[in-house]
Protein backbone atom coordinates (compact mmCIF):
# COMPACT_ATOMS: atom_id res chain seq x y z
CA ARG A 1 97.95 88.80 105.89
CA THR A 2 96.11 91.73 104.24
CA ASP A 3 98.18 94.49 102.52
CA ILE A 4 97.44 97.91 104.09
CA LEU A 5 99.90 99.94 101.97
CA PRO A 6 98.67 102.10 99.17
CA ALA A 7 99.10 100.58 95.76
CA ASP A 8 102.11 102.82 94.91
CA LEU A 9 104.09 101.80 97.98
CA THR A 10 105.86 98.47 98.24
CA ALA A 11 107.89 96.60 100.81
CA GLU A 12 110.51 94.26 99.16
CA GLY A 13 108.21 93.70 96.22
CA GLY A 14 105.22 92.97 98.26
CA GLY A 15 103.07 94.85 100.68
CA PHE A 16 102.82 95.36 104.41
CA GLY A 17 100.11 94.14 106.66
CA PHE A 18 99.40 94.55 110.33
CA GLY A 19 101.88 91.76 111.13
CA GLY A 20 104.67 92.35 108.55
CA TRP A 21 105.37 91.67 104.96
CA VAL A 22 102.81 90.12 102.74
CA ALA A 23 103.04 88.90 99.11
CA ARG A 24 100.68 90.91 97.00
CA PRO A 25 98.22 89.28 94.42
CA GLY A 26 100.39 88.36 91.43
CA HIS A 27 103.49 88.03 93.30
CA PRO A 28 105.32 84.68 92.81
CA ARG A 29 104.93 83.97 96.47
CA GLN A 30 101.30 85.14 96.84
CA GLY A 31 99.79 84.22 100.14
CA GLU A 32 103.05 84.23 102.06
CA PHE A 33 103.69 86.55 104.93
CA GLY A 34 106.55 87.18 107.40
CA TRP A 35 108.95 89.55 108.95
CA SER A 36 112.54 90.64 108.42
CA GLY A 37 114.97 92.05 110.95
CA ALA A 38 117.31 94.99 110.58
CA ALA A 39 120.40 92.68 110.42
CA GLY A 40 119.06 90.19 107.85
CA THR A 41 117.10 87.65 109.95
CA GLN A 42 114.00 86.55 107.94
CA GLY A 43 110.96 84.54 108.84
CA TRP A 44 108.20 83.56 106.52
CA ILE A 45 105.00 81.37 106.36
CA ASP A 46 103.64 79.84 103.23
CA PRO A 47 100.09 78.67 104.24
CA GLN A 48 99.40 77.12 100.79
CA GLN A 49 102.49 74.83 101.01
CA ARG A 50 102.05 74.44 104.81
CA PHE A 51 105.63 75.58 105.29
CA ALA A 52 107.38 77.95 107.68
CA ALA A 53 111.07 78.89 107.81
CA THR A 54 113.35 81.11 109.85
CA MET A 55 116.82 82.26 108.61
CA MET A 56 118.94 83.84 111.29
CA ILE A 57 121.84 86.08 110.33
CA GLN A 58 123.38 89.20 111.77
CA ALA A 59 125.02 91.29 109.09
CA MET A 60 125.02 95.03 108.63
CA PRO A 61 124.04 96.32 106.25
CA TYR A 62 121.60 93.46 105.92
CA ARG A 63 122.19 93.05 102.18
CA ALA A 64 125.94 92.57 102.77
CA VAL A 65 125.45 88.79 102.72
CA ASP A 66 122.84 87.80 100.14
CA ILE A 67 121.86 84.32 101.28
CA LEU A 68 118.15 84.70 101.03
CA SER A 69 118.12 84.91 97.24
CA GLU A 70 119.84 81.48 97.20
CA LEU A 71 118.19 79.97 100.29
CA ARG A 72 114.48 80.32 99.22
CA PRO A 73 114.83 78.72 95.76
CA ALA A 74 116.96 75.97 97.30
CA LEU A 75 114.21 75.22 99.99
CA ASP A 76 111.54 75.24 97.20
CA ALA A 77 113.68 72.75 95.15
CA ASP A 78 114.23 70.37 98.07
CA LEU A 79 110.52 70.42 98.88
CA GLY A 80 109.43 70.02 95.35
CA ILE A 81 107.65 73.40 95.32
CA VAL A 82 107.11 74.96 91.86
CA ARG A 83 106.69 78.75 91.77
CA ALA A 84 105.05 80.75 88.96
CA ALA A 85 107.46 83.16 87.45
């Protein structure tokens, strides 16, 4: 869960650790980590909220179907999670 990228490099707004994407300090999802597949599948873990999720999709290019930008806020709302802006 430790970012190993130099400060001037980012991975989807976060960093990249030995196991995948990590939210850098100051990121609204700080403490989260996960992995994304080439065709859009996403998995993430939020230890602070004791929550994990997997979204499975096969779409190329992976941004052809933008479900994640709606899914994550919807999950937060359903679970009563308030994120800092």
